[in-house]
């Protein structure tokens, strides 16, 4: 039996080389995969760390904003407290000055028992001031009555009426702060609103051309076309009726101002606006009068102050004790 021929050495070396190359490639691929996975993990960790740092910065910014808002609120509260304390200090200074005046008068040996009479006079003047303001809205009359009551109340030396004098001074200052009587401003605006109106401009008649058909020429004689910007009453009879009605509405509006009737004044202004829109063409003059009417509607004819009558109520409460 014959033996097999031996394998050539060259074939064994090639198979070993291929096996080593294959193993080297496998090891290299495994190392590359591990390196890629490690790099991905590092990138993920860095990204997570950056997101955490960003979230921490956002939270810190929010905390800083909240702290800033809290500081702003504290500053506003401190400013409000300072204003209140300043007003209280001013009131205490005024009260201290009044107390010094009272103490100086208490040392006067010529004091008499005319305090009740002076209180009656003060109460009468305060009642007149309240009635003039509430019933007729007479600011000047109310101010004059309070001005007469101030020196009379200052002549009373009883310390129990010290707060009453301070209240009277505050009520007097509130009436002075109201300024001018709103009826005067309303009357001035009404005069400007109903000032003499300009005469209407004569419209240029349109001459029909000879080449125009007779139907169109007949229609132009019957129908007059006029731009909206110049539309207004032009017939003398119509304008006279409108002017008479406008004067009547003006008189009614003046009567509403005199009796301080805001609702009646607004109704009269609405009617006046309607007649002005018919008498004046649509343009700057009409718009100016509409602006005056809007200002007049925004006025309040009845003067109002929350301190009106406070001194009288306090005096009656003190005298009732």
Protein backbone atom coordinates (compact mmCIF):
# COMPACT_ATOMS: atom_id res chain seq x y z
CA UNK A 1 0.00 0.00 0.00
CA UNK A 2 1.50 3.27 -1.10
CA UNK A 3 1.84 6.26 1.34
CA UNK A 4 0.26 9.69 0.56
CA UNK A 5 2.58 12.29 -0.75
CA UNK A 6 3.54 14.94 1.87
CA UNK A 7 1.89 18.44 1.75
CA UNK A 8 4.12 21.05 0.30
CA UNK A 9 5.52 23.55 2.85
CA UNK A 10 4.41 26.54 0.76
CA UNK A 11 0.72 25.69 1.12
CA UNK A 12 0.99 25.46 4.92
CA UNK A 13 2.71 28.81 5.20
CA UNK A 14 0.03 30.50 3.03
CA UNK A 15 -2.80 29.05 5.13
CA UNK A 16 -1.07 30.21 8.33
CA UNK A 17 -0.55 33.68 6.89
CA UNK A 18 -4.20 33.93 5.89
CA UNK A 19 -5.28 32.79 9.32
CA UNK A 20 -3.01 35.34 11.03
CA UNK A 21 -4.24 38.09 8.72
CA UNK A 22 -7.82 37.13 9.44
CA UNK A 23 -7.20 37.13 13.17
CA UNK A 24 -5.41 40.49 12.91
CA UNK A 25 -8.32 41.99 11.00
CA UNK A 26 -10.79 40.61 13.54
CA UNK A 27 -8.74 42.04 16.40
CA UNK A 28 -8.43 45.36 14.58
CA UNK A 29 -12.19 45.46 13.92
CA UNK A 30 -12.93 44.63 17.54
CA UNK A 31 -10.51 47.34 18.69
CA UNK A 32 -12.10 49.85 16.29
CA UNK A 33 -15.59 48.93 17.54
CA UNK A 34 -14.49 49.27 21.13
CA UNK A 35 -12.81 52.59 20.34
CA UNK A 36 -15.89 53.87 18.52
CA UNK A 37 -18.13 52.80 21.41
CA UNK A 38 -15.81 54.47 23.92
CA UNK A 39 -15.79 57.65 21.84
CA UNK A 40 -19.60 57.61 21.64
CA UNK A 41 -19.82 57.18 25.41
CA UNK A 42 -17.42 60.09 25.91
CA UNK A 43 -19.48 62.30 23.57
CA UNK A 44 -22.70 61.31 25.35
CA UNK A 45 -21.15 62.08 28.72
CA UNK A 46 -19.88 65.44 27.51
CA UNK A 47 -23.27 66.28 26.00
CA UNK A 48 -25.04 65.29 29.21
CA UNK A 49 -22.59 67.33 31.25
CA UNK A 50 -23.09 70.36 28.97
CA UNK A 51 -26.88 70.02 29.25
CA UNK A 52 -26.62 69.77 33.02
CA UNK A 53 -24.40 72.85 33.13
CA UNK A 54 -26.83 74.71 30.85
CA UNK A 55 -29.80 73.72 33.01
CA UNK A 56 -27.89 74.83 36.10
CA UNK A 57 -27.13 78.19 34.45
CA UNK A 58 -30.80 78.61 33.49
CA UNK A 59 -31.89 77.82 37.05
CA UNK A 60 -29.34 80.27 38.38
CA UNK A 61 -30.56 82.97 35.98
CA UNK A 62 -34.16 82.32 37.04
CA UNK A 63 -33.12 82.57 40.67
CA UNK A 64 -31.30 85.84 39.93
CA UNK A 65 -34.38 87.22 38.14
CA UNK A 66 -36.62 86.24 41.02
CA UNK A 67 -34.22 87.87 43.44
CA UNK A 68 -34.18 91.02 41.31
CA UNK A 69 -37.98 91.13 41.23
CA UNK A 70 -38.11 90.61 44.97
CA UNK A 71 -35.62 93.42 45.46
CA UNK A 72 -37.69 95.70 43.19
CA UNK A 73 -40.83 94.91 45.18
CA UNK A 74 -38.99 95.62 48.42
CA UNK A 75 -37.75 98.92 47.04
CA UNK A 76 -41.27 99.89 45.96
CA UNK A 77 -42.65 98.94 49.35
CA UNK A 78 -39.88 100.93 51.01
CA UNK A 79 -40.68 103.98 48.84
CA UNK A 80 -44.38 103.70 49.67
CA UNK A 81 -43.55 103.39 53.36
CA UNK A 82 -41.28 106.42 53.14
CA UNK A 83 -44.04 108.46 51.50
CA UNK A 84 -46.52 107.44 54.18
CA UNK A 85 -44.04 108.26 56.92
CA UNK A 86 -43.29 111.62 55.26
CA UNK A 87 -46.99 112.47 55.18
CA UNK A 88 -47.36 111.38 58.79
CA UNK A 89 -44.40 113.53 59.80
CA UNK A 90 -45.92 116.52 58.01
CA UNK A 91 -49.21 115.91 59.77
CA UNK A 92 -47.42 115.60 63.12
CA UNK A 93 -45.57 118.86 62.46
CA UNK A 94 -48.82 120.63 61.68
CA UNK A 95 -50.43 119.12 64.75
CA UNK A 96 -47.49 120.16 66.91
CA UNK A 97 -47.75 123.73 65.63
CA UNK A 98 -51.46 123.76 66.43
CA UNK A 99 -50.77 122.36 69.92
CA UNK A 100 -48.20 125.06 70.58
CA UNK A 101 -50.73 127.68 69.52
CA UNK A 102 -53.37 126.14 71.80
CA UNK A 103 -50.99 126.00 74.77
CA UNK A 104 -50.06 129.64 74.22
CA UNK A 105 -53.72 130.62 74.16
CA UNK A 106 -54.52 128.57 77.25
CA UNK A 107 -52.15 130.83 79.17
CA UNK A 108 -54.16 133.89 78.15
CA UNK A 109 -56.15 135.18 81.18
CA UNK A 110 -58.67 136.97 78.97
CA UNK A 111 -60.36 133.74 77.79
CA UNK A 112 -64.15 133.93 77.97
CA UNK A 113 -67.06 131.54 77.76
CA UNK A 114 -67.92 132.43 74.15
CA UNK A 115 -66.81 129.00 72.87
CA UNK A 116 -70.36 127.71 72.33
CA UNK A 117 -71.27 130.80 70.31
CA UNK A 118 -68.20 130.40 68.12
CA UNK A 119 -68.99 126.73 67.60
CA UNK A 120 -72.50 127.67 66.49
CA UNK A 121 -71.05 130.17 64.03
CA UNK A 122 -68.59 127.60 62.73
CA UNK A 123 -71.33 124.99 62.32
CA UNK A 124 -73.52 127.50 60.47
CA UNK A 125 -70.70 128.39 58.08
CA UNK A 126 -69.86 124.73 57.47
CA UNK A 127 -73.52 123.99 56.75
CA UNK A 128 -73.68 126.89 54.29
CA UNK A 129 -70.52 125.61 52.58
CA UNK A 130 -71.91 122.09 52.25
CA UNK A 131 -75.29 123.27 50.96
CA UNK A 132 -73.77 125.66 48.43
CA UNK A 133 -71.62 122.85 47.07
CA UNK A 134 -74.22 120.07 47.02
CA UNK A 135 -77.32 121.97 45.91
CA UNK A 136 -75.88 124.56 43.53
CA UNK A 137 -72.31 123.44 42.96
CA UNK A 138 -71.12 126.91 43.97
CA UNK A 139 -67.40 126.42 44.52
CA UNK A 140 -66.66 130.05 45.24
CA UNK A 141 -69.46 130.34 47.79
CA UNK A 142 -68.36 127.14 49.50
CA UNK A 143 -64.75 128.34 49.60
CA UNK A 144 -65.76 131.70 51.09
CA UNK A 145 -67.78 129.99 53.81
CA UNK A 146 -64.84 127.75 54.73
CA UNK A 147 -62.48 130.74 54.71
CA UNK A 148 -64.74 132.46 57.25
CA UNK A 149 -64.93 129.34 59.41
CA UNK A 150 -61.14 128.84 59.67
CA UNK A 151 -60.35 131.91 61.85
CA UNK A 152 -63.42 131.33 64.02
CA UNK A 153 -62.39 127.76 64.74
CA UNK A 154 -58.82 128.89 65.38
CA UNK A 155 -60.10 131.13 68.18
CA UNK A 156 -61.37 128.11 70.16
CA UNK A 157 -58.72 127.05 72.66
CA UNK A 158 -60.16 123.69 73.64
CA UNK A 159 -57.65 120.93 72.69
CA UNK A 160 -60.58 118.62 71.91
CA UNK A 161 -61.18 120.60 68.71
CA UNK A 162 -57.59 120.35 67.50
CA UNK A 163 -58.35 117.49 65.08
CA UNK A 164 -61.35 119.46 63.84
CA UNK A 165 -59.18 122.37 62.78
CA UNK A 166 -56.82 120.08 60.94
CA UNK A 167 -59.78 118.45 59.14
CA UNK A 168 -61.09 121.89 58.20
CA UNK A 169 -57.73 122.86 56.70
CA UNK A 170 -57.66 119.63 54.68
CA UNK A 171 -61.20 120.20 53.38
CA UNK A 172 -60.32 123.77 52.43
CA UNK A 173 -57.21 122.57 50.56
CA UNK A 174 -59.32 119.95 48.72
CA UNK A 175 -61.80 122.61 47.57
CA UNK A 176 -58.97 124.86 46.42
CA UNK A 177 -57.50 121.95 44.44
CA UNK A 178 -60.70 121.65 42.38
CA UNK A 179 -59.69 124.81 40.53
CA UNK A 180 -62.08 126.76 38.35
CA UNK A 181 -65.81 126.07 38.20
CA UNK A 182 -66.39 123.50 35.40
CA UNK A 183 -69.45 125.46 34.24
CA UNK A 184 -67.25 128.32 33.07
CA UNK A 185 -65.10 125.99 30.96
CA UNK A 186 -68.23 124.28 29.58
CA UNK A 187 -69.80 127.62 28.63
CA UNK A 188 -66.62 128.70 26.84
CA UNK A 189 -66.47 125.44 24.87
CA UNK A 190 -70.16 125.75 23.97
CA UNK A 191 -69.58 129.27 22.63
CA UNK A 192 -66.73 127.98 20.48
CA UNK A 193 -68.88 125.08 19.29
CA UNK A 194 -71.79 127.31 18.22
CA UNK A 195 -69.73 130.23 16.89
CA UNK A 196 -71.08 131.95 13.77
CA UNK A 197 -70.93 129.60 10.82
CA UNK A 198 -69.25 130.58 7.57
CA UNK A 199 -71.48 131.28 4.60
CA UNK A 200 -71.80 128.41 2.13
CA UNK A 201 -69.75 128.69 -1.03
CA UNK A 202 -71.77 129.09 -4.17
CA UNK A 203 -71.68 126.05 -6.38
CA UNK A 204 -70.63 126.64 -9.96
CA UNK A 205 -73.49 125.63 -12.22
CA UNK A 206 -72.60 123.10 -14.82
CA UNK A 207 -73.55 124.19 -18.31
CA UNK A 208 -74.73 121.29 -20.42
CA UNK A 209 -72.90 120.90 -23.67
CA UNK A 210 -74.77 121.26 -26.89
CA UNK A 211 -73.72 117.78 -27.90
CA UNK A 212 -75.22 116.25 -24.76
CA UNK A 213 -78.42 114.27 -25.37
CA UNK A 214 -81.61 116.02 -24.38
CA UNK A 215 -82.43 113.28 -21.84
CA UNK A 216 -79.18 113.92 -19.93
CA UNK A 217 -79.66 117.70 -20.07
CA UNK A 218 -83.17 117.30 -18.67
CA UNK A 219 -81.88 115.03 -15.90
CA UNK A 220 -79.16 117.55 -14.99
CA UNK A 221 -81.83 120.23 -14.60
CA UNK A 222 -83.82 118.02 -12.22
CA UNK A 223 -80.98 116.35 -10.23
CA UNK A 224 -78.02 118.25 -8.81
CA UNK A 225 -74.88 116.24 -8.09
CA UNK A 226 -72.57 117.67 -5.47
CA UNK A 227 -69.37 116.23 -3.86
CA UNK A 228 -69.64 115.03 -0.25
CA UNK A 229 -66.85 117.37 0.87
CA UNK A 230 -69.02 120.39 0.01
CA UNK A 231 -72.41 118.90 0.94
CA UNK A 232 -74.41 121.29 3.14
CA UNK A 233 -77.70 123.11 3.21
CA UNK A 234 -77.58 125.89 0.60
CA UNK A 235 -81.14 127.03 0.25
CA UNK A 236 -81.71 130.20 2.32
CA UNK A 237 -84.99 128.96 3.76
CA UNK A 238 -83.51 125.63 4.84
CA UNK A 239 -80.46 127.28 6.37
CA UNK A 240 -82.63 129.78 8.25
CA UNK A 241 -84.69 126.97 9.80
CA UNK A 242 -81.55 125.05 10.66
CA UNK A 243 -79.89 128.13 12.22
CA UNK A 244 -82.98 128.85 14.32
CA UNK A 245 -83.08 125.26 15.56
CA UNK A 246 -79.37 125.37 16.31
CA UNK A 247 -79.82 128.53 18.41
CA UNK A 248 -82.66 126.82 20.31
CA UNK A 249 -80.51 123.76 21.00
CA UNK A 250 -77.69 126.04 22.14
CA UNK A 251 -80.02 127.74 24.61
CA UNK A 252 -81.11 124.35 25.95
CA UNK A 253 -77.46 123.27 26.34
CA UNK A 254 -76.65 126.50 28.19
CA UNK A 255 -79.58 125.86 30.54
CA UNK A 256 -78.26 122.33 31.17
CA UNK A 257 -74.84 123.78 32.01
CA UNK A 258 -76.42 126.32 34.36
CA UNK A 259 -78.23 123.61 36.33
CA UNK A 260 -75.29 121.16 36.06
CA UNK A 261 -77.28 118.49 34.21
CA UNK A 262 -74.70 116.26 32.50
CA UNK A 263 -77.28 113.98 30.82
CA UNK A 264 -79.27 116.87 29.33
CA UNK A 265 -76.06 118.50 28.11
CA UNK A 266 -74.95 115.35 26.29
CA UNK A 267 -78.35 114.97 24.64
CA UNK A 268 -78.26 118.60 23.52
CA UNK A 269 -74.75 118.17 22.14
CA UNK A 270 -75.88 115.18 20.09
CA UNK A 271 -78.62 117.30 18.50
CA UNK A 272 -76.21 120.22 17.95
CA UNK A 273 -73.77 117.88 16.20
CA UNK A 274 -76.54 116.72 13.89
CA UNK A 275 -77.43 120.28 12.85
CA UNK A 276 -73.78 121.25 12.42
CA UNK A 277 -73.29 118.26 10.13
CA UNK A 278 -76.15 119.62 7.97
CA UNK A 279 -74.97 123.23 8.00
CA UNK A 280 -71.25 122.69 7.46
CA UNK A 281 -69.57 120.73 4.68
CA UNK A 282 -67.49 117.72 5.57
CA UNK A 283 -64.06 119.22 6.14
CA UNK A 284 -61.62 120.67 8.71
CA UNK A 285 -64.17 123.16 10.09
CA UNK A 286 -66.70 120.43 10.89
CA UNK A 287 -64.00 118.18 12.35
CA UNK A 288 -62.78 120.98 14.62
CA UNK A 289 -66.29 121.48 15.98
CA UNK A 290 -66.65 117.74 16.50
CA UNK A 291 -63.45 117.79 18.59
CA UNK A 292 -64.84 120.63 20.70
CA UNK A 293 -68.08 118.68 21.19
CA UNK A 294 -66.11 115.60 22.31
CA UNK A 295 -64.20 117.69 24.86
CA UNK A 296 -67.45 119.16 26.11
CA UNK A 297 -68.95 115.69 26.56
CA UNK A 298 -66.00 114.64 28.70
CA UNK A 299 -66.54 117.41 31.27
CA UNK A 300 -68.21 116.82 34.63
CA UNK A 301 -70.36 119.79 35.60
CA UNK A 302 -70.84 118.80 39.24
CA UNK A 303 -67.68 119.41 41.32
CA UNK A 304 -66.94 116.46 43.58
CA UNK A 305 -64.51 115.99 46.47
CA UNK A 306 -64.52 113.16 49.04
CA UNK A 307 -63.71 115.58 51.88
CA UNK A 308 -66.78 117.79 51.37
CA UNK A 309 -68.80 117.92 54.60
CA UNK A 310 -66.26 115.94 56.66
CA UNK A 311 -65.58 118.87 59.02
CA UNK A 312 -69.29 119.43 59.63
CA UNK A 313 -69.89 115.75 60.41
CA UNK A 314 -66.92 115.67 62.80
CA UNK A 315 -68.08 118.87 64.56
CA UNK A 316 -71.57 117.52 65.08
CA UNK A 317 -70.17 114.25 66.41
CA UNK A 318 -67.97 116.15 68.92
CA UNK A 319 -70.84 118.35 70.07
CA UNK A 320 -73.12 115.33 70.46
CA UNK A 321 -70.77 113.68 72.98
